[in-house]
Amino acid sequence: MTAADERVGSCTVLIVGPYAPELEVVAQGFVAAGIRNSGVVEPHDAAIQARAHPPIAILLARQAAADFPQLLSLPLAPGGALLLWHPFNAPEDSILPLSAQRLVLADLALPLERLRLVALVRHLIARAADAGRGLHRQDDADSAPGPA
């Protein structure tokens, strides 16, 4: 486990959207790579979890982003990014407006691009750690020495 992983709160990646077999494969890939993740189905639950523990990445179903544009403004940890996914054989029926596309780091076809997804998340974690913006647990902040 890396130093960046030790500073992670409840999850590093928040997976938002309806259950799909592709997401099970992705979640297992994250676990195998040592990346903490959590999945939620309902947009309201995603908002609550992201506010409580902002993740470094949010993996959002493209269709969910089109249906619930407020999901594009969920809070992220410093240096975090929004990632969209769609099934590799899905039609291009859920095109996002250009303004929404600018908020997204990547739009991945799963499960084909699952290794790219893991690499992107690892890069986000490393970039945040290198910039001194690693994810911190709340109890780490409480145990920090105060002014003398």
N, C-alpha and C. Protein backbone atom coordinates (compact mmCIF):
# COMPACT_ATOMS: atom_id res chain seq x y z
N MET A 1 0.85 -1.18 0.00
CA MET A 1 0.00 0.00 0.00
C MET A 1 0.89 1.25 0.00
N THR A 2 0.58 2.21 -0.83
CA THR A 2 1.40 3.41 -0.94
C THR A 2 1.00 4.43 0.11
N ALA A 3 1.84 5.45 0.28
CA ALA A 3 1.53 6.51 1.23
C ALA A 3 0.25 7.23 0.83
N ALA A 4 0.04 7.39 -0.48
CA ALA A 4 -1.19 8.05 -0.94
C ALA A 4 -2.41 7.23 -0.55
N ASP A 5 -2.31 5.91 -0.66
CA ASP A 5 -3.43 5.05 -0.30
C ASP A 5 -3.73 5.12 1.20
N GLU A 6 -2.70 5.31 2.01
CA GLU A 6 -2.90 5.38 3.46
C GLU A 6 -3.65 6.63 3.86
N ARG A 7 -3.65 7.66 3.03
CA ARG A 7 -4.35 8.90 3.35
C ARG A 7 -5.77 8.91 2.83
N VAL A 8 -6.21 7.84 2.23
CA VAL A 8 -7.53 7.79 1.62
C VAL A 8 -8.61 7.72 2.68
N GLY A 9 -9.70 8.44 2.46
CA GLY A 9 -10.84 8.39 3.36
C GLY A 9 -11.65 7.14 3.11
N SER A 10 -12.96 7.26 2.95
CA SER A 10 -13.79 6.08 2.81
C SER A 10 -13.62 5.41 1.46
N CYS A 11 -13.38 6.16 0.41
CA CYS A 11 -13.15 5.53 -0.90
C CYS A 11 -12.35 6.48 -1.78
N THR A 12 -11.66 5.91 -2.72
CA THR A 12 -10.89 6.68 -3.68
C THR A 12 -11.71 6.94 -4.92
N VAL A 13 -12.52 5.94 -5.32
CA VAL A 13 -13.36 6.06 -6.51
C VAL A 13 -14.80 5.81 -6.10
N LEU A 14 -15.67 6.73 -6.48
CA LEU A 14 -17.10 6.58 -6.26
C LEU A 14 -17.72 6.18 -7.59
N ILE A 15 -18.31 5.00 -7.64
CA ILE A 15 -18.95 4.49 -8.86
C ILE A 15 -20.43 4.78 -8.74
N VAL A 16 -20.96 5.56 -9.69
CA VAL A 16 -22.35 6.00 -9.63
C VAL A 16 -23.11 5.50 -10.85
N GLY A 17 -24.25 4.89 -10.60
CA GLY A 17 -25.10 4.48 -11.71
C GLY A 17 -25.73 3.14 -11.45
N PRO A 18 -26.60 2.74 -12.33
CA PRO A 18 -27.28 1.46 -12.15
C PRO A 18 -26.29 0.31 -12.24
N TYR A 19 -26.62 -0.77 -11.54
CA TYR A 19 -25.75 -1.94 -11.58
C TYR A 19 -25.62 -2.43 -13.01
N ALA A 20 -24.42 -2.77 -13.38
CA ALA A 20 -24.16 -3.37 -14.69
C ALA A 20 -23.01 -4.36 -14.51
N PRO A 21 -23.02 -5.45 -15.26
CA PRO A 21 -21.92 -6.42 -15.14
C PRO A 21 -20.55 -5.78 -15.37
N GLU A 22 -20.50 -4.77 -16.24
CA GLU A 22 -19.22 -4.10 -16.50
C GLU A 22 -18.66 -3.47 -15.23
N LEU A 23 -19.54 -2.95 -14.38
CA LEU A 23 -19.08 -2.30 -13.16
C LEU A 23 -18.54 -3.31 -12.15
N GLU A 24 -19.08 -4.51 -12.15
CA GLU A 24 -18.55 -5.54 -11.26
C GLU A 24 -17.12 -5.86 -11.64
N VAL A 25 -16.86 -5.98 -12.93
CA VAL A 25 -15.50 -6.25 -13.42
C VAL A 25 -14.57 -5.10 -13.04
N VAL A 26 -15.05 -3.88 -13.19
CA VAL A 26 -14.24 -2.69 -12.85
C VAL A 26 -13.96 -2.64 -11.35
N ALA A 27 -14.98 -2.88 -10.53
CA ALA A 27 -14.79 -2.84 -9.08
C ALA A 27 -13.77 -3.89 -8.65
N GLN A 28 -13.85 -5.08 -9.23
CA GLN A 28 -12.88 -6.12 -8.91
C GLN A 28 -11.47 -5.72 -9.35
N GLY A 29 -11.38 -5.04 -10.49
CA GLY A 29 -10.08 -4.56 -10.96
C GLY A 29 -9.49 -3.52 -10.03
N PHE A 30 -10.33 -2.63 -9.51
CA PHE A 30 -9.87 -1.64 -8.55
C PHE A 30 -9.34 -2.33 -7.28
N VAL A 31 -10.09 -3.29 -6.79
CA VAL A 31 -9.68 -4.00 -5.58
C VAL A 31 -8.35 -4.71 -5.82
N ALA A 32 -8.21 -5.36 -6.97
CA ALA A 32 -6.97 -6.06 -7.30
C ALA A 32 -5.79 -5.09 -7.38
N ALA A 33 -6.07 -3.85 -7.79
CA ALA A 33 -5.02 -2.84 -7.91
C ALA A 33 -4.80 -2.09 -6.60
N GLY A 34 -5.56 -2.44 -5.55
CA GLY A 34 -5.40 -1.77 -4.26
C GLY A 34 -6.07 -0.42 -4.19
N ILE A 35 -7.05 -0.18 -5.05
CA ILE A 35 -7.76 1.10 -5.08
C ILE A 35 -9.12 0.91 -4.44
N ARG A 36 -9.37 1.69 -3.40
CA ARG A 36 -10.65 1.59 -2.70
C ARG A 36 -11.75 2.20 -3.56
N ASN A 37 -12.90 1.53 -3.56
CA ASN A 37 -14.03 2.06 -4.33
C ASN A 37 -15.32 1.74 -3.62
N SER A 38 -16.34 2.50 -4.00
CA SER A 38 -17.66 2.33 -3.43
C SER A 38 -18.66 2.59 -4.53
N GLY A 39 -19.74 1.84 -4.55
CA GLY A 39 -20.74 2.01 -5.59
C GLY A 39 -22.08 2.44 -5.01
N VAL A 40 -22.74 3.34 -5.69
CA VAL A 40 -24.09 3.76 -5.32
C VAL A 40 -24.94 3.80 -6.58
N VAL A 41 -26.23 3.55 -6.40
CA VAL A 41 -27.14 3.52 -7.53
C VAL A 41 -27.89 4.84 -7.67
N GLU A 42 -28.37 5.36 -6.57
CA GLU A 42 -29.22 6.56 -6.59
C GLU A 42 -28.39 7.85 -6.60
N PRO A 43 -28.79 8.82 -7.43
CA PRO A 43 -28.08 10.11 -7.45
C PRO A 43 -28.02 10.79 -6.08
N HIS A 44 -29.11 10.69 -5.31
CA HIS A 44 -29.14 11.31 -3.99
C HIS A 44 -28.08 10.70 -3.08
N ASP A 45 -27.94 9.37 -3.12
CA ASP A 45 -26.92 8.69 -2.31
C ASP A 45 -25.51 9.10 -2.74
N ALA A 46 -25.33 9.28 -4.04
CA ALA A 46 -24.02 9.71 -4.55
C ALA A 46 -23.67 11.09 -4.00
N ALA A 47 -24.64 11.99 -3.98
CA ALA A 47 -24.39 13.34 -3.47
C ALA A 47 -24.02 13.30 -1.99
N ILE A 48 -24.73 12.50 -1.22
CA ILE A 48 -24.45 12.40 0.22
C ILE A 48 -23.04 11.85 0.45
N GLN A 49 -22.71 10.78 -0.24
CA GLN A 49 -21.40 10.16 -0.04
C GLN A 49 -20.27 11.06 -0.52
N ALA A 50 -20.45 11.73 -1.66
CA ALA A 50 -19.39 12.60 -2.18
C ALA A 50 -19.18 13.82 -1.27
N ARG A 51 -20.25 14.33 -0.68
CA ARG A 51 -20.10 15.46 0.24
C ARG A 51 -19.39 15.03 1.52
N ALA A 52 -19.72 13.83 2.01
CA ALA A 52 -19.12 13.35 3.25
C ALA A 52 -17.64 13.01 3.07
N HIS A 53 -17.31 12.37 1.95
CA HIS A 53 -15.93 11.94 1.67
C HIS A 53 -15.64 12.14 0.20
N PRO A 54 -15.22 13.34 -0.21
CA PRO A 54 -14.98 13.57 -1.64
C PRO A 54 -13.94 12.60 -2.20
N PRO A 55 -14.31 11.87 -3.24
CA PRO A 55 -13.38 10.91 -3.85
C PRO A 55 -12.41 11.59 -4.81
N ILE A 56 -11.34 10.90 -5.14
CA ILE A 56 -10.39 11.41 -6.13
C ILE A 56 -10.96 11.25 -7.53
N ALA A 57 -11.87 10.29 -7.71
CA ALA A 57 -12.50 10.09 -9.02
C ALA A 57 -13.93 9.63 -8.82
N ILE A 58 -14.79 10.10 -9.70
CA ILE A 58 -16.16 9.64 -9.76
C ILE A 58 -16.34 8.99 -11.12
N LEU A 59 -16.74 7.72 -11.10
CA LEU A 59 -17.01 6.98 -12.32
C LEU A 59 -18.52 6.97 -12.50
N LEU A 60 -18.97 7.66 -13.50
CA LEU A 60 -20.39 7.92 -13.70
C LEU A 60 -20.84 7.36 -15.04
N ALA A 61 -21.95 6.63 -15.03
CA ALA A 61 -22.51 6.13 -16.28
C ALA A 61 -22.90 7.31 -17.16
N ARG A 62 -22.53 7.25 -18.44
CA ARG A 62 -22.83 8.36 -19.35
C ARG A 62 -24.33 8.66 -19.38
N GLN A 63 -25.14 7.60 -19.38
CA GLN A 63 -26.59 7.80 -19.41
C GLN A 63 -27.08 8.49 -18.14
N ALA A 64 -26.50 8.15 -16.99
CA ALA A 64 -26.86 8.80 -15.74
C ALA A 64 -26.48 10.28 -15.78
N ALA A 65 -25.35 10.59 -16.38
CA ALA A 65 -24.93 12.00 -16.50
C ALA A 65 -25.91 12.78 -17.39
N ALA A 66 -26.40 12.12 -18.43
CA ALA A 66 -27.37 12.78 -19.32
C ALA A 66 -28.71 12.95 -18.63
N ASP A 67 -29.13 11.96 -17.85
CA ASP A 67 -30.43 12.00 -17.17
C ASP A 67 -30.42 12.89 -15.93
N PHE A 68 -29.29 12.95 -15.24
CA PHE A 68 -29.17 13.72 -14.00
C PHE A 68 -27.94 14.62 -14.08
N PRO A 69 -28.04 15.75 -14.78
CA PRO A 69 -26.85 16.60 -14.96
C PRO A 69 -26.26 17.13 -13.66
N GLN A 70 -27.04 17.14 -12.58
CA GLN A 70 -26.49 17.60 -11.29
C GLN A 70 -25.38 16.69 -10.79
N LEU A 71 -25.32 15.46 -11.29
CA LEU A 71 -24.23 14.55 -10.91
C LEU A 71 -22.88 15.04 -11.40
N LEU A 72 -22.88 15.87 -12.43
CA LEU A 72 -21.61 16.39 -12.96
C LEU A 72 -20.97 17.39 -12.01
N SER A 73 -21.71 17.84 -11.00
CA SER A 73 -21.15 18.82 -10.07
C SER A 73 -20.94 18.23 -8.67
N LEU A 74 -20.85 16.91 -8.58
CA LEU A 74 -20.55 16.29 -7.29
C LEU A 74 -19.16 16.71 -6.83
N PRO A 75 -18.98 16.90 -5.52
CA PRO A 75 -17.66 17.32 -5.02
C PRO A 75 -16.61 16.23 -5.20
N LEU A 76 -15.41 16.67 -5.51
CA LEU A 76 -14.25 15.79 -5.67
C LEU A 76 -13.15 16.24 -4.73
N ALA A 77 -12.27 15.33 -4.39
CA ALA A 77 -11.08 15.69 -3.63
C ALA A 77 -10.21 16.60 -4.51
N PRO A 78 -9.34 17.42 -3.91
CA PRO A 78 -8.45 18.26 -4.72
C PRO A 78 -7.66 17.41 -5.71
N GLY A 79 -7.66 17.83 -6.95
CA GLY A 79 -6.96 17.09 -7.99
C GLY A 79 -7.79 15.96 -8.57
N GLY A 80 -9.04 15.83 -8.14
CA GLY A 80 -9.90 14.75 -8.60
C GLY A 80 -10.48 15.00 -9.98
N ALA A 81 -11.12 13.97 -10.53
CA ALA A 81 -11.67 14.08 -11.87
C ALA A 81 -12.95 13.24 -12.00
N LEU A 82 -13.76 13.67 -12.92
CA LEU A 82 -14.99 12.97 -13.27
C LEU A 82 -14.72 12.12 -14.50
N LEU A 83 -15.08 10.84 -14.41
CA LEU A 83 -14.87 9.90 -15.50
C LEU A 83 -16.23 9.31 -15.89
N LEU A 84 -16.52 9.28 -17.17
CA LEU A 84 -17.76 8.67 -17.65
C LEU A 84 -17.47 7.29 -18.22
N TRP A 85 -18.50 6.44 -18.22
CA TRP A 85 -18.35 5.12 -18.83
C TRP A 85 -19.63 4.80 -19.58
N HIS A 86 -19.48 3.92 -20.54
CA HIS A 86 -20.61 3.38 -21.29
C HIS A 86 -20.24 1.97 -21.75
N PRO A 87 -21.24 1.11 -21.94
CA PRO A 87 -20.91 -0.22 -22.46
C PRO A 87 -20.27 -0.10 -23.84
N PHE A 88 -19.33 -0.96 -24.15
CA PHE A 88 -18.58 -0.83 -25.41
C PHE A 88 -19.48 -0.95 -26.63
N ASN A 89 -20.61 -1.60 -26.51
CA ASN A 89 -21.50 -1.76 -27.65
C ASN A 89 -22.72 -0.84 -27.61
N ALA A 90 -22.66 0.18 -26.76
CA ALA A 90 -23.80 1.09 -26.61
C ALA A 90 -23.87 2.07 -27.78
N PRO A 91 -25.09 2.39 -28.21
CA PRO A 91 -25.24 3.41 -29.25
C PRO A 91 -24.90 4.79 -28.68
N GLU A 92 -24.59 5.68 -29.54
CA GLU A 92 -24.22 7.05 -29.12
C GLU A 92 -25.48 7.90 -28.89
N ASP A 93 -26.44 7.38 -28.13
CA ASP A 93 -27.69 8.11 -27.93
C ASP A 93 -27.67 9.07 -26.75
N SER A 94 -26.67 8.99 -25.91
CA SER A 94 -26.61 9.86 -24.74
C SER A 94 -25.43 10.83 -24.84
N ILE A 95 -25.43 11.62 -25.87
CA ILE A 95 -24.38 12.61 -26.07
C ILE A 95 -24.61 13.77 -25.10
N LEU A 96 -23.57 14.14 -24.40
CA LEU A 96 -23.66 15.25 -23.46
C LEU A 96 -23.39 16.56 -24.17
N PRO A 97 -23.96 17.65 -23.67
CA PRO A 97 -23.65 18.96 -24.22
C PRO A 97 -22.16 19.26 -24.06
N LEU A 98 -21.63 20.10 -24.92
CA LEU A 98 -20.21 20.43 -24.88
C LEU A 98 -19.79 20.98 -23.52
N SER A 99 -20.64 21.79 -22.89
CA SER A 99 -20.30 22.34 -21.57
C SER A 99 -20.11 21.23 -20.54
N ALA A 100 -20.89 20.17 -20.64
CA ALA A 100 -20.75 19.04 -19.72
C ALA A 100 -19.53 18.20 -20.08
N GLN A 101 -19.24 18.06 -21.37
CA GLN A 101 -18.08 17.27 -21.79
C GLN A 101 -16.78 17.87 -21.27
N ARG A 102 -16.74 19.18 -21.10
CA ARG A 102 -15.53 19.84 -20.60
C ARG A 102 -15.22 19.48 -19.15
N LEU A 103 -16.22 19.00 -18.42
CA LEU A 103 -16.03 18.63 -17.02
C LEU A 103 -15.45 17.24 -16.83
N VAL A 104 -15.37 16.49 -17.92
CA VAL A 104 -15.03 15.07 -17.86
C VAL A 104 -13.60 14.84 -18.35
N LEU A 105 -12.85 14.05 -17.58
CA LEU A 105 -11.48 13.71 -17.99
C LEU A 105 -11.48 12.65 -19.08
N ALA A 106 -12.37 11.67 -18.98
CA ALA A 106 -12.40 10.58 -19.97
C ALA A 106 -13.80 10.00 -20.07
N ASP A 107 -14.11 9.45 -21.23
CA ASP A 107 -15.36 8.73 -21.47
C ASP A 107 -14.94 7.36 -21.98
N LEU A 108 -15.05 6.36 -21.12
CA LEU A 108 -14.47 5.04 -21.38
C LEU A 108 -15.52 4.01 -21.75
N ALA A 109 -15.15 3.13 -22.67
CA ALA A 109 -15.99 2.00 -23.05
C ALA A 109 -15.59 0.81 -22.18
N LEU A 110 -16.50 0.41 -21.30
CA LEU A 110 -16.21 -0.69 -20.39
C LEU A 110 -16.89 -1.96 -20.86
N PRO A 111 -16.32 -3.10 -20.65
CA PRO A 111 -15.11 -3.37 -19.88
C PRO A 111 -13.83 -3.27 -20.69
N LEU A 112 -13.90 -2.91 -21.96
CA LEU A 112 -12.70 -2.91 -22.80
C LEU A 112 -11.59 -2.01 -22.28
N GLU A 113 -11.94 -0.86 -21.73
CA GLU A 113 -10.93 0.11 -21.29
C GLU A 113 -10.72 0.10 -19.78
N ARG A 114 -10.96 -1.03 -19.14
CA ARG A 114 -10.84 -1.08 -17.68
C ARG A 114 -9.40 -0.88 -17.21
N LEU A 115 -8.42 -1.35 -17.97
CA LEU A 115 -7.03 -1.13 -17.57
C LEU A 115 -6.65 0.34 -17.70
N ARG A 116 -7.16 0.99 -18.72
CA ARG A 116 -6.94 2.43 -18.86
C ARG A 116 -7.56 3.17 -17.69
N LEU A 117 -8.74 2.74 -17.26
CA LEU A 117 -9.41 3.35 -16.11
C LEU A 117 -8.56 3.23 -14.85
N VAL A 118 -8.05 2.05 -14.58
CA VAL A 118 -7.20 1.85 -13.40
C VAL A 118 -5.95 2.73 -13.50
N ALA A 119 -5.36 2.81 -14.67
CA ALA A 119 -4.18 3.66 -14.86
C ALA A 119 -4.51 5.14 -14.63
N LEU A 120 -5.67 5.58 -15.10
CA LEU A 120 -6.08 6.98 -14.89
C LEU A 120 -6.25 7.28 -13.40
N VAL A 121 -6.89 6.37 -12.69
CA VAL A 121 -7.10 6.59 -11.26
C VAL A 121 -5.77 6.58 -10.51
N ARG A 122 -4.89 5.66 -10.86
CA ARG A 122 -3.56 5.66 -10.23
C ARG A 122 -2.83 6.98 -10.50
N HIS A 123 -2.95 7.48 -11.71
CA HIS A 123 -2.32 8.75 -12.05
C HIS A 123 -2.91 9.90 -11.21
N LEU A 124 -4.22 9.91 -11.05
CA LEU A 124 -4.86 10.95 -10.24
C LEU A 124 -4.37 10.90 -8.80
N ILE A 125 -4.26 9.69 -8.25
CA ILE A 125 -3.78 9.54 -6.87
C ILE A 125 -2.34 10.02 -6.75
N ALA A 126 -1.50 9.61 -7.69
CA ALA A 126 -0.08 10.01 -7.66
C ALA A 126 0.07 11.52 -7.84
N ARG A 127 -0.72 12.09 -8.76
CA ARG A 127 -0.66 13.53 -9.01
C ARG A 127 -1.06 14.31 -7.77
N ALA A 128 -2.11 13.86 -7.10
CA ALA A 128 -2.56 14.53 -5.88
C ALA A 128 -1.49 14.42 -4.78
N ALA A 129 -0.88 13.25 -4.66
CA ALA A 129 0.16 13.06 -3.64
C ALA A 129 1.39 13.92 -3.95
N ASP A 130 1.80 13.97 -5.22
CA ASP A 130 2.96 14.77 -5.61
C ASP A 130 2.74 16.25 -5.38
N ALA A 131 1.50 16.69 -5.53
CA ALA A 131 1.18 18.10 -5.33
C ALA A 131 0.90 18.42 -3.87
N GLY A 132 0.99 17.40 -3.01
CA GLY A 132 0.72 17.63 -1.60
C GLY A 132 -0.75 17.74 -1.30
N ARG A 133 -1.57 17.24 -2.23
CA ARG A 133 -3.02 17.33 -2.05
C ARG A 133 -3.62 15.95 -1.87
N GLY A 134 -2.88 15.08 -1.21
CA GLY A 134 -3.38 13.72 -1.00
C GLY A 134 -4.69 13.74 -0.25
N LEU A 135 -5.41 12.66 -0.35
CA LEU A 135 -6.67 12.52 0.37
C LEU A 135 -6.35 12.25 1.82
N HIS A 136 -6.96 12.99 2.72
CA HIS A 136 -6.68 12.84 4.14
C HIS A 136 -7.92 12.35 4.86
N ARG A 137 -7.71 11.48 5.82
CA ARG A 137 -8.80 11.05 6.67
C ARG A 137 -9.12 12.17 7.63
N GLN A 138 -10.36 12.22 8.07
CA GLN A 138 -10.77 13.23 9.03
C GLN A 138 -10.01 13.07 10.34
N ASP A 139 -9.78 11.82 10.78
CA ASP A 139 -9.09 11.61 12.04
C ASP A 139 -7.62 12.03 11.94
N ASP A 140 -7.02 12.06 10.74
CA ASP A 140 -5.67 12.56 10.59
C ASP A 140 -5.63 14.05 10.89
N ALA A 141 -6.64 14.77 10.43
CA ALA A 141 -6.70 16.21 10.67
C ALA A 141 -6.91 16.48 12.16
N ASP A 142 -7.72 15.63 12.83
CA ASP A 142 -7.99 15.83 14.26
C ASP A 142 -6.76 15.53 15.10
N SER A 143 -5.89 14.61 14.65
CA SER A 143 -4.73 14.24 15.44
C SER A 143 -3.51 15.09 15.15
N ALA A 144 -3.61 16.02 14.20
CA ALA A 144 -2.49 16.88 13.88
C ALA A 144 -2.19 17.79 15.05
N PRO A 145 -0.91 18.03 15.33
CA PRO A 145 -0.57 18.89 16.46
C PRO A 145 -1.06 20.31 16.23
N GLY A 146 -1.57 20.89 17.25
CA GLY A 146 -2.07 22.26 17.16
C GLY A 146 -0.97 23.26 17.45
N PRO A 147 -1.30 24.54 17.36
CA PRO A 147 -0.29 25.56 17.66
C PRO A 147 0.12 25.49 19.13
N ALA A 148 1.39 25.68 19.36
CA ALA A 148 1.91 25.61 20.72
C ALA A 148 1.84 26.93 21.42
